C-alpha atoms as a PDB file:
ATOM      1  CA  MET A   1      51.327 142.255  80.956  1.00  0.00           C
ATOM      2  CA  THR A   2      53.181 142.115  77.816  1.00  0.00           C
ATOM      3  CA  THR A   3      56.750 143.656  77.168  1.00  0.00           C
ATOM      4  CA  ASP A   4      55.604 146.263  75.183  1.00  0.00           C
ATOM      5  CA  GLU A   5      52.979 147.471  78.007  1.00  0.00           C
ATOM      6  CA  ILE A   6      55.973 147.534  80.428  1.00  0.00           C
ATOM      7  CA  LYS A   7      57.903 149.900  77.749  1.00  0.00           C
ATOM      8  CA  GLU A   8      54.849 151.958  77.367  1.00  0.00           C
ATOM      9  CA  HIS A   9      55.120 152.479  81.425  1.00  0.00           C
ATOM     10  CA  LEU A  10      59.082 153.119  80.978  1.00  0.00           C
ATOM     11  CA  LYS A  11      58.641 156.034  78.464  1.00  0.00           C
ATOM     12  CA  GLN A  12      58.002 158.041  81.716  1.00  0.00           C
ATOM     13  CA  VAL A  13      61.704 157.954  82.247  1.00  0.00           C
ATOM     14  CA  LYS A  14      63.939 160.253  80.811  1.00  0.00           C
ATOM     15  CA  TYR A  15      67.643 160.175  80.091  1.00  0.00           C
ATOM     16  CA  PRO A  16      68.909 163.052  82.198  1.00  0.00           C
ATOM     17  CA  GLY A  17      69.605 166.283  80.383  1.00  0.00           C
ATOM     18  CA  PHE A  18      67.333 165.142  77.778  1.00  0.00           C
ATOM     19  CA  SER A  19      63.773 165.217  76.787  1.00  0.00           C
ATOM     20  CA  ARG A  20      63.805 161.857  75.234  1.00  0.00           C
ATOM     21  CA  ASP A  21      63.142 158.802  77.126  1.00  0.00           C
ATOM     22  CA  ILE A  22      65.068 155.220  77.650  1.00  0.00           C
ATOM     23  CA  VAL A  23      62.810 153.288  75.532  1.00  0.00           C
ATOM     24  CA  SER A  24      63.225 155.645  72.487  1.00  0.00           C
ATOM     25  CA  PHE A  25      66.943 155.579  72.906  1.00  0.00           C
ATOM     26  CA  GLY A  26      67.104 151.905  72.960  1.00  0.00           C
ATOM     27  CA  LEU A  27      68.278 151.244  76.262  1.00  0.00           C
ATOM     28  CA  VAL A  28      65.659 148.735  77.419  1.00  0.00           C
ATOM     29  CA  ARG A  29      67.011 145.433  76.353  1.00  0.00           C
ATOM     30  CA  SER A  30      64.374 143.417  78.226  1.00  0.00           C
ATOM     31  CA  ALA A  31      61.356 143.843  80.258  1.00  0.00           C
ATOM     32  CA  GLY A  32      59.094 141.311  81.901  1.00  0.00           C
ATOM     33  CA  ILE A  33      56.804 140.395  85.097  1.00  0.00           C
ATOM     34  CA  PHE A  34      56.891 137.095  86.586  1.00  0.00           C
ATOM     35  CA  ASP A  35      54.779 135.984  89.698  1.00  0.00           C
ATOM     36  CA  GLY A  36      54.714 139.810  90.679  1.00  0.00           C
ATOM     37  CA  VAL A  37      58.470 140.499  90.108  1.00  0.00           C
ATOM     38  CA  ALA A  38      59.153 143.243  87.446  1.00  0.00           C
ATOM     39  CA  LYS A  39      62.534 142.837  85.849  1.00  0.00           C
ATOM     40  CA  VAL A  40      64.142 145.155  83.366  1.00  0.00           C
ATOM     41  CA  SER A  41      67.474 145.113  81.983  1.00  0.00           C
ATOM     42  CA  LEU A  42      69.208 148.321  80.468  1.00  0.00           C
ATOM     43  CA  ALA A  43      72.357 148.914  78.693  1.00  0.00           C
ATOM     44  CA  LEU A  44      73.944 152.219  79.015  1.00  0.00           C
ATOM     45  CA  THR A  45      76.901 153.928  77.188  1.00  0.00           C
ATOM     46  CA  THR A  46      78.110 156.861  79.866  1.00  0.00           C
ATOM     47  CA  SER A  47      81.306 157.830  81.820  1.00  0.00           C
ATOM     48  CA  ASP A  48      79.112 159.596  84.316  1.00  0.00           C
ATOM     49  CA  PRO A  49      78.678 156.968  87.560  1.00  0.00           C
ATOM     50  CA  LYS A  50      75.523 159.050  88.489  1.00  0.00           C
ATOM     51  CA  VAL A  51      73.535 158.130  85.349  1.00  0.00           C
ATOM     52  CA  PRO A  52      73.122 154.403  86.014  1.00  0.00           C
ATOM     53  CA  LEU A  53      72.188 154.872  89.695  1.00  0.00           C
ATOM     54  CA  TYR A  54      69.799 157.787  88.674  1.00  0.00           C
ATOM     55  CA  LEU A  55      67.932 155.574  85.987  1.00  0.00           C
ATOM     56  CA  LYS A  56      67.992 152.368  88.214  1.00  0.00           C
ATOM     57  CA  THR A  57      66.040 154.252  90.775  1.00  0.00           C
ATOM     58  CA  GLU A  58      63.657 155.995  88.312  1.00  0.00           C
ATOM     59  CA  VAL A  59      62.831 152.656  86.678  1.00  0.00           C
ATOM     60  CA  GLU A  60      62.227 150.916  89.784  1.00  0.00           C
ATOM     61  CA  LYS A  61      59.817 153.974  90.774  1.00  0.00           C
ATOM     62  CA  CYS A  62      57.746 153.553  87.580  1.00  0.00           C
ATOM     63  CA  LEU A  63      57.589 150.024  88.123  1.00  0.00           C
ATOM     64  CA  ARG A  64      56.497 149.707  91.556  1.00  0.00           C
ATOM     65  CA  VAL A  65      53.208 151.740  90.570  1.00  0.00           C
ATOM     66  CA  ILE A  66      52.250 149.068  87.844  1.00  0.00           C
ATOM     67  CA  PRO A  67      49.371 146.932  89.328  1.00  0.00           C
ATOM     68  CA  GLY A  68      50.220 143.455  90.248  1.00  0.00           C
ATOM     69  CA  VAL A  69      54.046 144.544  90.814  1.00  0.00           C
ATOM     70  CA  LYS A  70      55.213 143.205  94.385  1.00  0.00           C
ATOM     71  CA  GLU A  71      58.971 143.202  93.733  1.00  0.00           C
ATOM     72  CA  THR A  72      61.380 144.872  91.205  1.00  0.00           C
ATOM     73  CA  LEU A  73      64.592 143.705  89.668  1.00  0.00           C
ATOM     74  CA  VAL A  74      66.718 146.265  87.524  1.00  0.00           C
ATOM     75  CA  GLU A  75      70.109 145.066  85.908  1.00  0.00           C
ATOM     76  CA  VAL A  76      72.165 147.802  84.535  1.00  0.00           C
ATOM     77  CA  SER A  77      75.084 146.998  82.497  1.00  0.00           C
ATOM     78  CA  VAL A  78      77.434 150.168  81.393  1.00  0.00           C
ATOM     79  CA  ALA A  79      79.869 150.490  78.682  1.00  0.00           C
ATOM     80  CA  PRO A  80      82.125 153.538  78.985  1.00  0.00           C
ATOM     81  CA  GLY A  81      81.635 156.280  76.425  1.00  0.00           C
ATOM     82  CA  LYS A  82      79.824 159.526  75.823  1.00  0.00           C
ATOM     83  CA  ALA A  83      76.192 159.621  76.475  1.00  0.00           C
ATOM     84  CA  PRO A  84      73.341 158.967  73.897  1.00  0.00           C
ATOM     85  CA  ALA A  85      73.438 161.413  71.234  1.00  0.00           C
ATOM     86  CA  ALA A  86      70.005 163.193  71.606  1.00  0.00           C
ATOM     87  CA  ALA A  87      69.876 166.504  70.631  1.00  0.00           C
ATOM     88  CA  ALA A  88      69.126 165.763  67.071  1.00  0.00           C
ATOM     89  CA  GLY A  89      67.036 162.913  67.579  1.00  0.00           C
ATOM     90  CA  ALA A  90      64.895 164.876  69.967  1.00  0.00           C
ATOM     91  CA  THR A  91      64.021 167.441  67.399  1.00  0.00           C
ATOM     92  CA  GLY A  92      64.148 165.335  64.027  1.00  0.00           C
ATOM     93  CA  GLY A  93      66.344 163.152  62.166  1.00  0.00           C
ATOM     94  CA  ASN A  94      69.106 165.474  61.017  1.00  0.00           C
ATOM     95  CA  LEU A  95      72.566 165.335  62.571  1.00  0.00           C
ATOM     96  CA  GLY A  96      72.663 169.048  63.091  1.00  0.00           C
ATOM     97  CA  GLY A  97      73.191 170.339  66.520  1.00  0.00           C
ATOM     98  CA  ASN A  98      74.396 166.814  67.711  1.00  0.00           C
ATOM     99  CA  THR A  99      77.091 166.955  70.548  1.00  0.00           C
ATOM    100  CA  ALA A 100      78.423 163.795  70.131  1.00  0.00           C
ATOM    101  CA  ALA A 101      77.924 162.874  66.469  1.00  0.00           C
ATOM    102  CA  PRO A 102      79.672 165.041  63.543  1.00  0.00           C
ATOM    103  CA  LYS A 103      77.427 168.265  62.807  1.00  0.00           C
ATOM    104  CA  THR A 104      78.554 168.072  59.014  1.00  0.00           C
ATOM    105  CA  ILE A 105      76.487 164.938  57.966  1.00  0.00           C
ATOM    106  CA  LYS A 106      72.961 165.537  56.695  1.00  0.00           C
ATOM    107  CA  TYR A 107      71.532 162.224  56.895  1.00  0.00           C
ATOM    108  CA  ALA A 108      72.586 158.920  58.483  1.00  0.00           C
ATOM    109  CA  VAL A 109      71.107 155.642  56.912  1.00  0.00           C
ATOM    110  CA  ALA A 110      71.629 152.047  58.505  1.00  0.00           C
ATOM    111  CA  ILE A 111      71.765 149.174  56.144  1.00  0.00           C
ATOM    112  CA  ALA A 112      70.508 145.995  57.721  1.00  0.00           C
ATOM    113  CA  SER A 113      69.198 142.648  57.241  1.00  0.00           C
ATOM    114  CA  GLY A 114      68.987 140.616  60.539  1.00  0.00           C
ATOM    115  CA  LYS A 115      70.421 137.624  58.839  1.00  0.00           C
ATOM    116  CA  GLY A 116      74.028 136.984  57.300  1.00  0.00           C
ATOM    117  CA  GLY A 117      74.591 135.799  53.688  1.00  0.00           C
ATOM    118  CA  VAL A 118      71.966 138.057  51.954  1.00  0.00           C
ATOM    119  CA  GLY A 119      74.646 140.265  50.402  1.00  0.00           C
ATOM    120  CA  LYS A 120      74.093 143.356  52.461  1.00  0.00           C
ATOM    121  CA  SER A 121      77.761 144.502  52.481  1.00  0.00           C
ATOM    122  CA  THR A 122      77.656 144.128  48.439  1.00  0.00           C
ATOM    123  CA  PHE A 123      74.446 146.091  48.548  1.00  0.00           C
ATOM    124  CA  SER A 124      75.853 148.743  50.666  1.00  0.00           C
ATOM    125  CA  VAL A 125      79.207 149.526  48.612  1.00  0.00           C
ATOM    126  CA  ASN A 126      76.830 149.384  44.997  1.00  0.00           C
ATOM    127  CA  LEU A 127      74.261 151.678  47.066  1.00  0.00           C
ATOM    128  CA  ALA A 128      77.032 154.160  48.298  1.00  0.00           C
ATOM    129  CA  CYS A 129      78.746 154.270  44.662  1.00  0.00           C
ATOM    130  CA  ALA A 130      75.123 154.928  43.209  1.00  0.00           C
ATOM    131  CA  LEU A 131      74.776 157.728  45.589  1.00  0.00           C
ATOM    132  CA  ALA A 132      78.102 159.204  44.674  1.00  0.00           C
ATOM    133  CA  GLN A 133      77.378 159.244  40.887  1.00  0.00           C
ATOM    134  CA  LEU A 134      73.913 161.026  41.634  1.00  0.00           C
ATOM    135  CA  LEU A 135      75.192 163.398  43.740  1.00  0.00           C
ATOM    136  CA  THR A 136      78.311 163.977  41.497  1.00  0.00           C
ATOM    137  CA  ARG A 137      75.909 164.895  38.600  1.00  0.00           C
ATOM    138  CA  ALA A 138      74.137 167.198  40.776  1.00  0.00           C
ATOM    139  CA  GLY A 139      77.605 169.051  41.293  1.00  0.00           C
ATOM    140  CA  ARG A 140      78.274 167.762  44.978  1.00  0.00           C
ATOM    141  CA  PRO A 141      80.895 165.161  44.632  1.00  0.00           C
ATOM    142  CA  GLY A 142      82.667 163.588  47.737  1.00  0.00           C
ATOM    143  CA  ARG A 143      79.542 163.716  49.860  1.00  0.00           C
ATOM    144  CA  VAL A 144      78.758 160.148  50.639  1.00  0.00           C
ATOM    145  CA  GLY A 145      80.468 158.038  53.332  1.00  0.00           C
ATOM    146  CA  LEU A 146      80.203 154.218  54.115  1.00  0.00           C
ATOM    147  CA  MET A 147      80.999 153.323  57.576  1.00  0.00           C
ATOM    148  CA  ASP A 148      81.719 149.462  57.814  1.00  0.00           C
ATOM    149  CA  CYS A 149      80.475 148.304  61.226  1.00  0.00           C
ATOM    150  CA  ASP A 150      80.851 144.438  60.586  1.00  0.00           C
ATOM    151  CA  ILE A 151      83.673 144.378  63.146  1.00  0.00           C
ATOM    152  CA  TYR A 152      84.119 140.729  62.787  1.00  0.00           C
ATOM    153  CA  GLY A 153      83.933 139.996  58.892  1.00  0.00           C
ATOM    154  CA  PRO A 154      84.870 143.648  57.413  1.00  0.00           C
ATOM    155  CA  SER A 155      84.498 142.898  53.531  1.00  0.00           C
ATOM    156  CA  VAL A 156      83.954 146.526  52.453  1.00  0.00           C
ATOM    157  CA  PRO A 157      87.633 147.366  51.734  1.00  0.00           C
ATOM    158  CA  LEU A 158      87.939 144.404  49.567  1.00  0.00           C
ATOM    159  CA  MET A 159      84.667 145.173  47.623  1.00  0.00           C
ATOM    160  CA  MET A 160      85.855 149.200  47.344  1.00  0.00           C
ATOM    161  CA  GLY A 161      89.392 148.203  46.230  1.00  0.00           C
ATOM    162  CA  ILE A 162      90.784 149.696  49.125  1.00  0.00           C
ATOM    163  CA  GLN A 163      94.402 148.997  51.017  1.00  0.00           C
ATOM    164  CA  GLY A 164      96.332 150.662  53.408  1.00  0.00           C
ATOM    165  CA  ARG A 165      95.748 152.498  56.723  1.00  0.00           C
ATOM    166  CA  PRO A 166      94.099 155.844  57.465  1.00  0.00           C
ATOM    167  CA  GLU A 167      95.945 158.691  58.183  1.00  0.00           C
ATOM    168  CA  VAL A 168      95.769 160.429  61.480  1.00  0.00           C
ATOM    169  CA  ASP A 169      94.614 164.076  61.605  1.00  0.00           C
ATOM    170  CA  GLY A 170      95.016 165.237  65.359  1.00  0.00           C
ATOM    171  CA  GLU A 171      92.582 162.883  67.273  1.00  0.00           C
ATOM    172  CA  SER A 172      90.918 162.178  64.078  1.00  0.00           C
ATOM    173  CA  LEU A 173      91.176 159.344  61.501  1.00  0.00           C
ATOM    174  CA  VAL A 174      90.937 160.284  58.003  1.00  0.00           C
ATOM    175  CA  PRO A 175      88.888 158.273  55.828  1.00  0.00           C
ATOM    176  CA  LEU A 176      90.419 156.465  52.748  1.00  0.00           C
ATOM    177  CA  GLN A 177      88.267 157.275  49.545  1.00  0.00           C
ATOM    178  CA  ARG A 178      87.459 155.319  46.366  1.00  0.00           C
ATOM    179  CA  HIS A 179      84.732 155.397  43.648  1.00  0.00           C
ATOM    180  CA  GLY A 180      83.854 159.027  45.106  1.00  0.00           C
ATOM    181  CA  VAL A 181      83.066 157.321  48.642  1.00  0.00           C
ATOM    182  CA  LYS A 182      84.490 158.116  51.500  1.00  0.00           C
ATOM    183  CA  VAL A 183      85.265 154.660  53.644  1.00  0.00           C
ATOM    184  CA  MET A 184      86.032 153.357  57.163  1.00  0.00           C
ATOM    185  CA  SER A 185      86.257 149.936  58.341  1.00  0.00           C
ATOM    186  CA  MET A 186      87.791 148.017  60.908  1.00  0.00           C
ATOM    187  CA  GLY A 187      89.393 146.188  57.956  1.00  0.00           C
ATOM    188  CA  PHE A 188      91.875 149.048  57.750  1.00  0.00           C
ATOM    189  CA  LEU A 189      92.893 148.941  61.301  1.00  0.00           C
ATOM    190  CA  VAL A 190      93.889 145.228  61.744  1.00  0.00           C
ATOM    191  CA  ASP A 191      96.021 142.544  59.769  1.00  0.00           C
ATOM    192  CA  ASP A 192      94.419 139.863  57.159  1.00  0.00           C
ATOM    193  CA  ASN A 193      95.189 137.307  59.501  1.00  0.00           C
ATOM    194  CA  THR A 194      94.211 138.841  62.921  1.00  0.00           C
ATOM    195  CA  PRO A 195      90.917 137.704  64.042  1.00  0.00           C
ATOM    196  CA  VAL A 196      88.786 140.337  66.051  1.00  0.00           C
ATOM    197  CA  VAL A 197      87.703 138.484  69.320  1.00  0.00           C
ATOM    198  CA  TRP A 198      86.005 141.145  71.366  1.00  0.00           C
ATOM    199  CA  ARG A 199      83.069 141.268  73.877  1.00  0.00           C
ATOM    200  CA  GLY A 200      80.143 143.713  73.314  1.00  0.00           C
ATOM    201  CA  PRO A 201      81.451 146.977  75.104  1.00  0.00           C
ATOM    202  CA  MET A 202      84.517 146.813  72.882  1.00  0.00           C
ATOM    203  CA  ILE A 203      82.597 146.711  69.777  1.00  0.00           C
ATOM    204  CA  MET A 204      80.210 149.539  71.084  1.00  0.00           C
ATOM    205  CA  LYS A 205      83.231 151.795  71.744  1.00  0.00           C
ATOM    206  CA  THR A 206      84.608 151.157  68.417  1.00  0.00           C
ATOM    207  CA  ILE A 207      81.416 152.121  66.580  1.00  0.00           C
ATOM    208  CA  GLN A 208      81.282 155.222  68.791  1.00  0.00           C
ATOM    209  CA  GLN A 209      84.859 156.043  67.672  1.00  0.00           C
ATOM    210  CA  PHE A 210      83.983 155.491  63.945  1.00  0.00           C
ATOM    211  CA  VAL A 211      81.223 158.090  64.507  1.00  0.00           C
ATOM    212  CA  GLN A 212      82.729 160.510  66.715  1.00  0.00           C
ATOM    213  CA  ASN A 213      86.593 160.226  65.831  1.00  0.00           C
ATOM    214  CA  VAL A 214      86.727 160.114  61.918  1.00  0.00           C
ATOM    215  CA  LYS A 215      87.149 163.104  59.969  1.00  0.00           C
ATOM    216  CA  TRP A 216      84.031 162.385  57.707  1.00  0.00           C
ATOM    217  CA  GLY A 217      83.832 166.433  56.511  1.00  0.00           C
ATOM    218  CA  GLU A 218      80.614 167.605  54.966  1.00  0.00           C
ATOM    219  CA  LEU A 219      78.640 164.581  53.856  1.00  0.00           C
ATOM    220  CA  ASP A 220      74.809 164.358  52.298  1.00  0.00           C
ATOM    221  CA  VAL A 221      74.732 160.774  53.261  1.00  0.00           C
ATOM    222  CA  LEU A 222      76.467 158.831  55.693  1.00  0.00           C
ATOM    223  CA  LEU A 223      75.609 154.898  54.946  1.00  0.00           C
ATOM    224  CA  ILE A 224      76.457 152.290  57.784  1.00  0.00           C
ATOM    225  CA  ASP A 225      76.623 148.886  57.169  1.00  0.00           C
ATOM    226  CA  LEU A 226      75.573 146.848  60.018  1.00  0.00           C
ATOM    227  CA  PRO A 227      76.635 143.338  60.861  1.00  0.00           C
ATOM    228  CA  PRO A 228      73.882 140.663  60.880  1.00  0.00           C
ATOM    229  CA  GLY A 229      71.619 140.340  64.171  1.00  0.00           C
ATOM    230  CA  THR A 230      70.003 142.956  66.641  1.00  0.00           C
ATOM    231  CA  GLY A 231      72.653 143.039  69.306  1.00  0.00           C
ATOM    232  CA  ASP A 232      75.569 145.201  70.825  1.00  0.00           C
ATOM    233  CA  ALA A 233      76.629 147.043  67.431  1.00  0.00           C
ATOM    234  CA  GLN A 234      72.860 147.809  66.296  1.00  0.00           C
ATOM    235  CA  LEU A 235      71.885 149.167  70.081  1.00  0.00           C
ATOM    236  CA  SER A 236      75.251 151.190  70.144  1.00  0.00           C
ATOM    237  CA  LEU A 237      74.824 152.620  67.023  1.00  0.00           C
ATOM    238  CA  VAL A 238      71.376 153.894  67.899  1.00  0.00           C
ATOM    239  CA  GLN A 239      72.511 155.109  70.916  1.00  0.00           C
ATOM    240  CA  THR A 240      75.416 156.979  69.327  1.00  0.00           C
ATOM    241  CA  ILE A 241      73.797 158.794  66.316  1.00  0.00           C
ATOM    242  CA  PRO A 242      70.592 159.642  65.482  1.00  0.00           C
ATOM    243  CA  LEU A 243      69.537 157.705  62.443  1.00  0.00           C
ATOM    244  CA  ASP A 244      67.412 159.227  59.749  1.00  0.00           C
ATOM    245  CA  GLY A 245      66.236 155.730  58.673  1.00  0.00           C
ATOM    246  CA  ALA A 246      67.467 152.129  57.907  1.00  0.00           C
ATOM    247  CA  ILE A 247      66.957 149.892  54.895  1.00  0.00           C
ATOM    248  CA  ILE A 248      66.380 146.283  55.330  1.00  0.00           C
ATOM    249  CA  VAL A 249      67.959 143.990  53.005  1.00  0.00           C
ATOM    250  CA  THR A 250      66.687 140.458  52.117  1.00  0.00           C
ATOM    251  CA  THR A 251      66.674 137.647  49.490  1.00  0.00           C
ATOM    252  CA  PRO A 252      63.485 136.346  48.730  1.00  0.00           C
ATOM    253  CA  GLN A 253      63.155 132.960  50.647  1.00  0.00           C
ATOM    254  CA  PRO A 254      61.541 132.947  54.093  1.00  0.00           C
ATOM    255  CA  ALA A 255      64.703 131.676  55.871  1.00  0.00           C
ATOM    256  CA  ALA A 256      65.747 135.151  55.032  1.00  0.00           C
ATOM    257  CA  THR A 257      62.715 137.429  55.294  1.00  0.00           C
ATOM    258  CA  ASN A 258      61.390 136.178  58.510  1.00  0.00           C
ATOM    259  CA  ILE A 259      64.604 137.422  60.060  1.00  0.00           C
ATOM    260  CA  ALA A 260      64.658 140.533  58.007  1.00  0.00           C
ATOM    261  CA  ARG A 261      61.410 141.402  59.479  1.00  0.00           C
ATOM    262  CA  LYS A 262      62.841 141.064  63.227  1.00  0.00           C
ATOM    263  CA  GLY A 263      65.396 143.482  62.275  1.00  0.00           C
ATOM    264  CA  GLY A 264      63.037 145.897  60.880  1.00  0.00           C
ATOM    265  CA  LEU A 265      60.821 145.539  64.022  1.00  0.00           C
ATOM    266  CA  MET A 266      64.144 146.247  65.832  1.00  0.00           C
ATOM    267  CA  PHE A 267      64.484 149.740  64.164  1.00  0.00           C
ATOM    268  CA  GLN A 268      60.647 150.542  64.576  1.00  0.00           C
ATOM    269  CA  LYS A 269      60.922 149.909  68.519  1.00  0.00           C
ATOM    270  CA  VAL A 270      63.660 152.474  68.889  1.00  0.00           C
ATOM    271  CA  ASN A 271      62.098 154.846  66.567  1.00  0.00           C
ATOM    272  CA  VAL A 272      64.313 154.871  63.783  1.00  0.00           C
ATOM    273  CA  PRO A 273      61.939 155.173  60.647  1.00  0.00           C
ATOM    274  CA  LEU A 274      62.279 152.312  57.783  1.00  0.00           C
ATOM    275  CA  ILE A 275      63.012 153.823  54.436  1.00  0.00           C
ATOM    276  CA  GLY A 276      62.176 150.586  52.732  1.00  0.00           C
ATOM    277  CA  VAL A 277      62.946 146.935  51.974  1.00  0.00           C
ATOM    278  CA  ALA A 278      65.602 146.090  49.150  1.00  0.00           C
ATOM    279  CA  GLU A 279      65.135 142.688  47.714  1.00  0.00           C
ATOM    280  CA  ASN A 280      68.799 141.117  46.669  1.00  0.00           C
ATOM    281  CA  MET A 281      69.567 138.043  44.506  1.00  0.00           C
ATOM    282  CA  SER A 282      65.899 138.387  43.192  1.00  0.00           C
ATOM    283  CA  HIS A 283      66.215 136.717  40.112  1.00  0.00           C
ATOM    284  CA  PHE A 284      68.489 135.194  37.558  1.00  0.00           C
ATOM    285  CA  THR A 285      68.016 135.912  33.852  1.00  0.00           C
ATOM    286  CA  ASP A 286      69.552 132.875  31.514  1.00  0.00           C
ATOM    287  CA  PRO A 287      71.206 133.559  28.238  1.00  0.00           C
ATOM    288  CA  ALA A 288      67.874 132.538  26.486  1.00  0.00           C
ATOM    289  CA  GLY A 289      66.406 135.666  28.231  1.00  0.00           C
ATOM    290  CA  ILE A 290      64.096 133.382  30.366  1.00  0.00           C
ATOM    291  CA  ARG A 291      64.011 134.772  34.259  1.00  0.00           C
ATOM    292  CA  HIS A 292      64.493 132.257  37.052  1.00  0.00           C
ATOM    293  CA  GLN A 293      63.824 132.919  40.773  1.00  0.00           C
ATOM    294  CA  LEU A 294      66.016 130.794  42.473  1.00  0.00           C
ATOM    295  CA  PHE A 295      65.229 131.884  45.886  1.00  0.00           C
ATOM    296  CA  GLY A 296      61.540 131.978  45.484  1.00  0.00           C
ATOM    297  CA  ALA A 297      59.424 134.974  44.753  1.00  0.00           C
ATOM    298  CA  GLY A 298      57.679 137.701  46.774  1.00  0.00           C
ATOM    299  CA  GLY A 299      59.540 137.699  49.747  1.00  0.00           C
ATOM    300  CA  GLY A 300      60.826 141.552  49.421  1.00  0.00           C
ATOM    301  CA  ILE A 301      57.319 142.774  48.898  1.00  0.00           C
ATOM    302  CA  LEU A 302      55.808 140.622  51.735  1.00  0.00           C
ATOM    303  CA  THR A 303      58.510 141.816  54.144  1.00  0.00           C
ATOM    304  CA  ALA A 304      57.995 145.314  53.264  1.00  0.00           C
ATOM    305  CA  GLU A 305      54.037 144.939  53.814  1.00  0.00           C
ATOM    306  CA  LYS A 306      54.366 143.425  57.218  1.00  0.00           C
ATOM    307  CA  LEU A 307      56.893 146.049  58.251  1.00  0.00           C
ATOM    308  CA  GLY A 308      54.528 148.991  56.901  1.00  0.00           C
ATOM    309  CA  THR A 309      56.937 150.201  54.203  1.00  0.00           C
ATOM    310  CA  SER A 310      57.751 149.681  50.803  1.00  0.00           C
ATOM    311  CA  LEU A 311      59.875 147.842  48.412  1.00  0.00           C
ATOM    312  CA  LEU A 312      62.771 149.922  46.928  1.00  0.00           C
ATOM    313  CA  GLY A 313      63.948 147.573  44.285  1.00  0.00           C
ATOM    314  CA  GLN A 314      64.689 144.267  43.272  1.00  0.00           C
ATOM    315  CA  VAL A 315      68.517 143.419  42.469  1.00  0.00           C
ATOM    316  CA  PRO A 316      69.228 140.427  40.012  1.00  0.00           C
ATOM    317  CA  LEU A 317      71.618 137.607  40.727  1.00  0.00           C
ATOM    318  CA  VAL A 318      74.302 138.001  38.193  1.00  0.00           C
ATOM    319  CA  PRO A 319      78.101 136.880  38.247  1.00  0.00           C
ATOM    320  CA  GLU A 320      79.079 140.354  37.443  1.00  0.00           C
ATOM    321  CA  ILE A 321      77.825 141.737  40.786  1.00  0.00           C
ATOM    322  CA  ARG A 322      80.250 138.962  42.645  1.00  0.00           C
ATOM    323  CA  GLU A 323      83.166 139.600  40.152  1.00  0.00           C
ATOM    324  CA  GLY A 324      82.922 143.422  40.775  1.00  0.00           C
ATOM    325  CA  GLY A 325      83.294 143.019  44.551  1.00  0.00           C
ATOM    326  CA  ASP A 326      85.970 140.662  44.445  1.00  0.00           C
ATOM    327  CA  SER A 327      87.698 142.968  42.316  1.00  0.00           C
ATOM    328  CA  GLY A 328      87.318 146.132  44.018  1.00  0.00           C
ATOM    329  CA  THR A 329      85.142 147.699  41.109  1.00  0.00           C
ATOM    330  CA  PRO A 330      81.480 147.538  42.159  1.00  0.00           C
ATOM    331  CA  ILE A 331      79.076 146.754  39.364  1.00  0.00           C
ATOM    332  CA  VAL A 332      77.694 150.401  39.462  1.00  0.00           C
ATOM    333  CA  VAL A 333      81.158 151.543  38.640  1.00  0.00           C
ATOM    334  CA  GLY A 334      82.432 148.851  36.408  1.00  0.00           C
ATOM    335  CA  ALA A 335      78.849 148.403  34.340  1.00  0.00           C
ATOM    336  CA  PRO A 336      76.978 151.676  35.297  1.00  0.00           C
ATOM    337  CA  ASP A 337      74.261 150.942  32.508  1.00  0.00           C
ATOM    338  CA  SER A 338      73.715 147.360  33.147  1.00  0.00           C
ATOM    339  CA  GLU A 339      70.435 146.257  34.604  1.00  0.00           C
ATOM    340  CA  SER A 340      72.211 145.897  38.078  1.00  0.00           C
ATOM    341  CA  GLY A 341      73.863 149.188  37.951  1.00  0.00           C
ATOM    342  CA  GLN A 342      70.552 150.881  37.132  1.00  0.00           C
ATOM    343  CA  THR A 343      68.621 149.006  39.929  1.00  0.00           C
ATOM    344  CA  PHE A 344      71.120 150.427  42.305  1.00  0.00           C
ATOM    345  CA  ARG A 345      70.812 153.984  41.154  1.00  0.00           C
ATOM    346  CA  SER A 346      66.873 153.923  41.043  1.00  0.00           C
ATOM    347  CA  ILE A 347      67.071 152.632  44.785  1.00  0.00           C
ATOM    348  CA  ALA A 348      69.456 155.288  45.899  1.00  0.00           C
ATOM    349  CA  GLN A 349      67.613 157.890  43.809  1.00  0.00           C
ATOM    350  CA  GLU A 350      64.240 156.803  45.653  1.00  0.00           C
ATOM    351  CA  MET A 351      66.082 156.740  48.982  1.00  0.00           C
ATOM    352  CA  LEU A 352      67.291 160.642  48.665  1.00  0.00           C
ATOM    353  CA  LEU A 353      63.668 161.520  47.705  1.00  0.00           C
ATOM    354  CA  ARG A 354      62.147 159.866  50.839  1.00  0.00           C
ATOM    355  CA  LEU A 355      64.979 161.328  53.172  1.00  0.00           C
ATOM    356  CA  GLU A 356      64.096 164.736  51.638  1.00  0.00           C
ATOM    357  CA  LYS A 357      60.384 164.401  52.145  1.00  0.00           C
ATOM    358  CA  PRO A 358      59.414 166.186  55.004  1.00  0.00           C
ATOM    359  CA  ALA A 359      58.405 163.616  58.094  1.00  0.00           C
ATOM    360  CA  ALA A 360      56.827 164.225  61.548  1.00  0.00           C
ATOM    361  CA  PRO A 361      59.298 164.744  64.410  1.00  0.00           C
ATOM    362  CA  ARG A 362      60.600 161.877  66.187  1.00  0.00           C
ATOM    363  CA  VAL A 363      60.064 161.910  69.814  1.00  0.00           C
END
């Protein structure tokens, strides 16, 4: 029996107090059967000591009825915090009605890559600024947020040109703001020379705080810049805030696309819809106007096809994008009419259209 088949059985186990199951919440880290022994590993975030015991018991009951299972082994890892934010996720993608996440955020979108080094944070920063420009033109300024969840290597403050510490309002942090975007990052909370050496539970707790204890205010879109991988940060985010979608960022070569596809599959396994794939560093155009595909061609569209989604756009490889990030003035702001600036706005516009398009409720 495969892992996916075991998870199908585990969908019978509902999280206490909610209609969603532990698989759709992303609580099942691993599952398998070997020599008649069914082994399942769960990762929970809760302060209620009754929940782990209840779920362990229910999972054991579920496994015992599977043909061929002689013994069960259920491991439960628990991080302190609030229960998964399920209210909104059970009825749709919107954050309205969520008791653990802000009620004032219309759409929450993860920006992920699976692999490091593909320019995901640069993409996130420019996409956020492009969204801010579009919404400002529509008479809705100040309604874009950017949450930098790269705990170990936060680069968003540099790219946005923001320094300083967030103010505290009651029990909440007030995000810093520039280029029409509200920003929260670990980079605001630690010194430049202080490395973050944390284990998984501390990362999970920080991400929960960024969602629940930051005064985001009224937002149309909250972009969440995730670190590489499919580990604690990604799992904690899915458990904490019902995501309305995810964008997968990749460069064209197989070394990036193969891992980006795995990142996309991770979101699909936890019922987060894919908005699309963005191909970064797609091509370079020399002064003679000749286009060079330095990292190969076709990787973005191939990744999108394998994930059953579409390619949102191809961002060119130009020095100005890097220079804009280093100076704190993203190219969308510094050169809005450039090919890159127009590409980011086109992706932002398409993302908004797909978010606003009615979708089948998530279960």
